[in-house]
């Protein structure tokens, strides 16, 4: 995926749970400002198959991390509604 499908989205990585190893799935996040994003589902998202740390629709705070020599945005904190 590219850095963003549209000007109001960015690629966000979400940790997958129950995978046996540390792995993160790229998806798109709607830019809300203040380093907050609303996670959007991937085209093939299946809640029975992949267990995201934060499910699609969640508002999350992201942090920049270096992975495989590339700086990425990774979902790190769930933001409660109204914040």
C-alpha atoms as a PDB file:
ATOM      1  CA  UNK A   1       0.000   0.000   0.000  1.00  0.00           C
ATOM      2  CA  UNK A   2       1.087   3.536  -0.567  1.00  0.00           C
ATOM      3  CA  UNK A   3       1.655   6.186   2.089  1.00  0.00           C
ATOM      4  CA  UNK A   4      -2.024   7.049   1.817  1.00  0.00           C
ATOM      5  CA  UNK A   5      -4.893   6.278  -0.511  1.00  0.00           C
ATOM      6  CA  UNK A   6      -6.223   9.812  -0.238  1.00  0.00           C
ATOM      7  CA  UNK A   7      -5.107  13.007   1.445  1.00  0.00           C
ATOM      8  CA  UNK A   8      -7.170  12.189   4.550  1.00  0.00           C
ATOM      9  CA  UNK A   9      -5.741   8.669   5.091  1.00  0.00           C
ATOM     10  CA  UNK A  10      -2.352   7.218   5.967  1.00  0.00           C
ATOM     11  CA  UNK A  11      -0.985   3.711   6.200  1.00  0.00           C
ATOM     12  CA  UNK A  12      -1.147   2.523   9.816  1.00  0.00           C
ATOM     13  CA  UNK A  13       0.178  -0.780  11.151  1.00  0.00           C
ATOM     14  CA  UNK A  14      -1.833  -2.724  13.736  1.00  0.00           C
ATOM     15  CA  UNK A  15      -0.355  -5.552  15.807  1.00  0.00           C
ATOM     16  CA  UNK A  16      -1.987  -8.937  15.222  1.00  0.00           C
ATOM     17  CA  UNK A  17      -2.739 -11.063  18.277  1.00  0.00           C
ATOM     18  CA  UNK A  18      -2.518 -14.858  18.539  1.00  0.00           C
ATOM     19  CA  UNK A  19      -0.052 -15.190  15.646  1.00  0.00           C
ATOM     20  CA  UNK A  20       2.762 -16.919  17.559  1.00  0.00           C
ATOM     21  CA  UNK A  21       5.226 -14.178  16.594  1.00  0.00           C
ATOM     22  CA  UNK A  22       5.195 -10.392  16.606  1.00  0.00           C
ATOM     23  CA  UNK A  23       3.554  -9.216  13.386  1.00  0.00           C
ATOM     24  CA  UNK A  24       1.722  -6.079  12.291  1.00  0.00           C
ATOM     25  CA  UNK A  25      -0.854  -5.686   9.510  1.00  0.00           C
ATOM     26  CA  UNK A  26      -0.910  -2.564   7.341  1.00  0.00           C
ATOM     27  CA  UNK A  27      -4.259  -0.852   6.901  1.00  0.00           C
ATOM     28  CA  UNK A  28      -5.493   2.645   6.237  1.00  0.00           C
ATOM     29  CA  UNK A  29      -6.299   5.136   8.977  1.00  0.00           C
ATOM     30  CA  UNK A  30      -8.452   8.224   8.616  1.00  0.00           C
ATOM     31  CA  UNK A  31      -6.425  11.236   9.796  1.00  0.00           C
ATOM     32  CA  UNK A  32      -8.197  12.919  12.723  1.00  0.00           C
ATOM     33  CA  UNK A  33      -5.353  15.233  13.766  1.00  0.00           C
ATOM     34  CA  UNK A  34      -3.157  15.308  16.850  1.00  0.00           C
ATOM     35  CA  UNK A  35      -1.596  11.948  15.881  1.00  0.00           C
ATOM     36  CA  UNK A  36      -5.040  10.288  16.088  1.00  0.00           C
ATOM     37  CA  UNK A  37      -6.445   7.997  13.410  1.00  0.00           C
ATOM     38  CA  UNK A  38      -9.648   5.993  12.883  1.00  0.00           C
ATOM     39  CA  UNK A  39      -8.666   2.519  11.695  1.00  0.00           C
ATOM     40  CA  UNK A  40     -10.286   1.363   8.475  1.00  0.00           C
ATOM     41  CA  UNK A  41     -10.714  -2.322   7.613  1.00  0.00           C
ATOM     42  CA  UNK A  42      -8.659  -3.901   4.879  1.00  0.00           C
ATOM     43  CA  UNK A  43     -10.609  -5.133   1.866  1.00  0.00           C
ATOM     44  CA  UNK A  44     -10.262  -8.746   3.054  1.00  0.00           C
ATOM     45  CA  UNK A  45     -10.692  -8.119   6.816  1.00  0.00           C
ATOM     46  CA  UNK A  46     -12.163 -11.118   8.643  1.00  0.00           C
ATOM     47  CA  UNK A  47     -12.508 -10.805  12.436  1.00  0.00           C
ATOM     48  CA  UNK A  48     -12.642 -14.610  12.695  1.00  0.00           C
ATOM     49  CA  UNK A  49      -9.302 -14.991  10.889  1.00  0.00           C
ATOM     50  CA  UNK A  50      -7.235 -12.021  12.155  1.00  0.00           C
ATOM     51  CA  UNK A  51      -7.361 -10.615  15.661  1.00  0.00           C
ATOM     52  CA  UNK A  52      -6.221  -7.005  15.512  1.00  0.00           C
ATOM     53  CA  UNK A  53      -5.028  -5.363  18.736  1.00  0.00           C
ATOM     54  CA  UNK A  54      -7.447  -2.526  17.874  1.00  0.00           C
ATOM     55  CA  UNK A  55     -10.358  -3.458  15.565  1.00  0.00           C
ATOM     56  CA  UNK A  56     -11.476  -1.424  12.541  1.00  0.00           C
ATOM     57  CA  UNK A  57     -13.421   1.663  13.580  1.00  0.00           C
ATOM     58  CA  UNK A  58     -11.236   2.220  16.657  1.00  0.00           C
ATOM     59  CA  UNK A  59      -9.659   5.621  17.209  1.00  0.00           C
ATOM     60  CA  UNK A  60      -6.006   5.140  18.063  1.00  0.00           C
ATOM     61  CA  UNK A  61      -2.932   7.192  18.875  1.00  0.00           C
ATOM     62  CA  UNK A  62       0.035   6.176  16.756  1.00  0.00           C
ATOM     63  CA  UNK A  63       3.778   6.235  17.260  1.00  0.00           C
ATOM     64  CA  UNK A  64       6.562   6.253  14.673  1.00  0.00           C
ATOM     65  CA  UNK A  65       8.789   3.181  14.726  1.00  0.00           C
ATOM     66  CA  UNK A  66      11.635   1.867  12.616  1.00  0.00           C
ATOM     67  CA  UNK A  67      10.944  -1.593  11.203  1.00  0.00           C
ATOM     68  CA  UNK A  68      13.077  -3.233   8.551  1.00  0.00           C
ATOM     69  CA  UNK A  69      14.842   0.090   7.957  1.00  0.00           C
ATOM     70  CA  UNK A  70      11.583   1.942   7.296  1.00  0.00           C
ATOM     71  CA  UNK A  71       9.776   4.442   9.507  1.00  0.00           C
ATOM     72  CA  UNK A  72       6.141   3.401   9.982  1.00  0.00           C
ATOM     73  CA  UNK A  73       3.135   4.549  12.009  1.00  0.00           C
ATOM     74  CA  UNK A  74       1.971   1.876  14.422  1.00  0.00           C
ATOM     75  CA  UNK A  75      -1.227   1.923  16.492  1.00  0.00           C
ATOM     76  CA  UNK A  76      -0.203   2.062  20.151  1.00  0.00           C
ATOM     77  CA  UNK A  77      -3.120   3.350  22.242  1.00  0.00           C
ATOM     78  CA  UNK A  78      -6.899   3.142  22.079  1.00  0.00           C
ATOM     79  CA  UNK A  79      -8.492   6.578  22.466  1.00  0.00           C
ATOM     80  CA  UNK A  80     -11.822   6.479  24.341  1.00  0.00           C
ATOM     81  CA  UNK A  81     -14.832   8.157  22.677  1.00  0.00           C
ATOM     82  CA  UNK A  82     -15.092  11.889  23.383  1.00  0.00           C
ATOM     83  CA  UNK A  83     -11.362  12.493  23.754  1.00  0.00           C
END
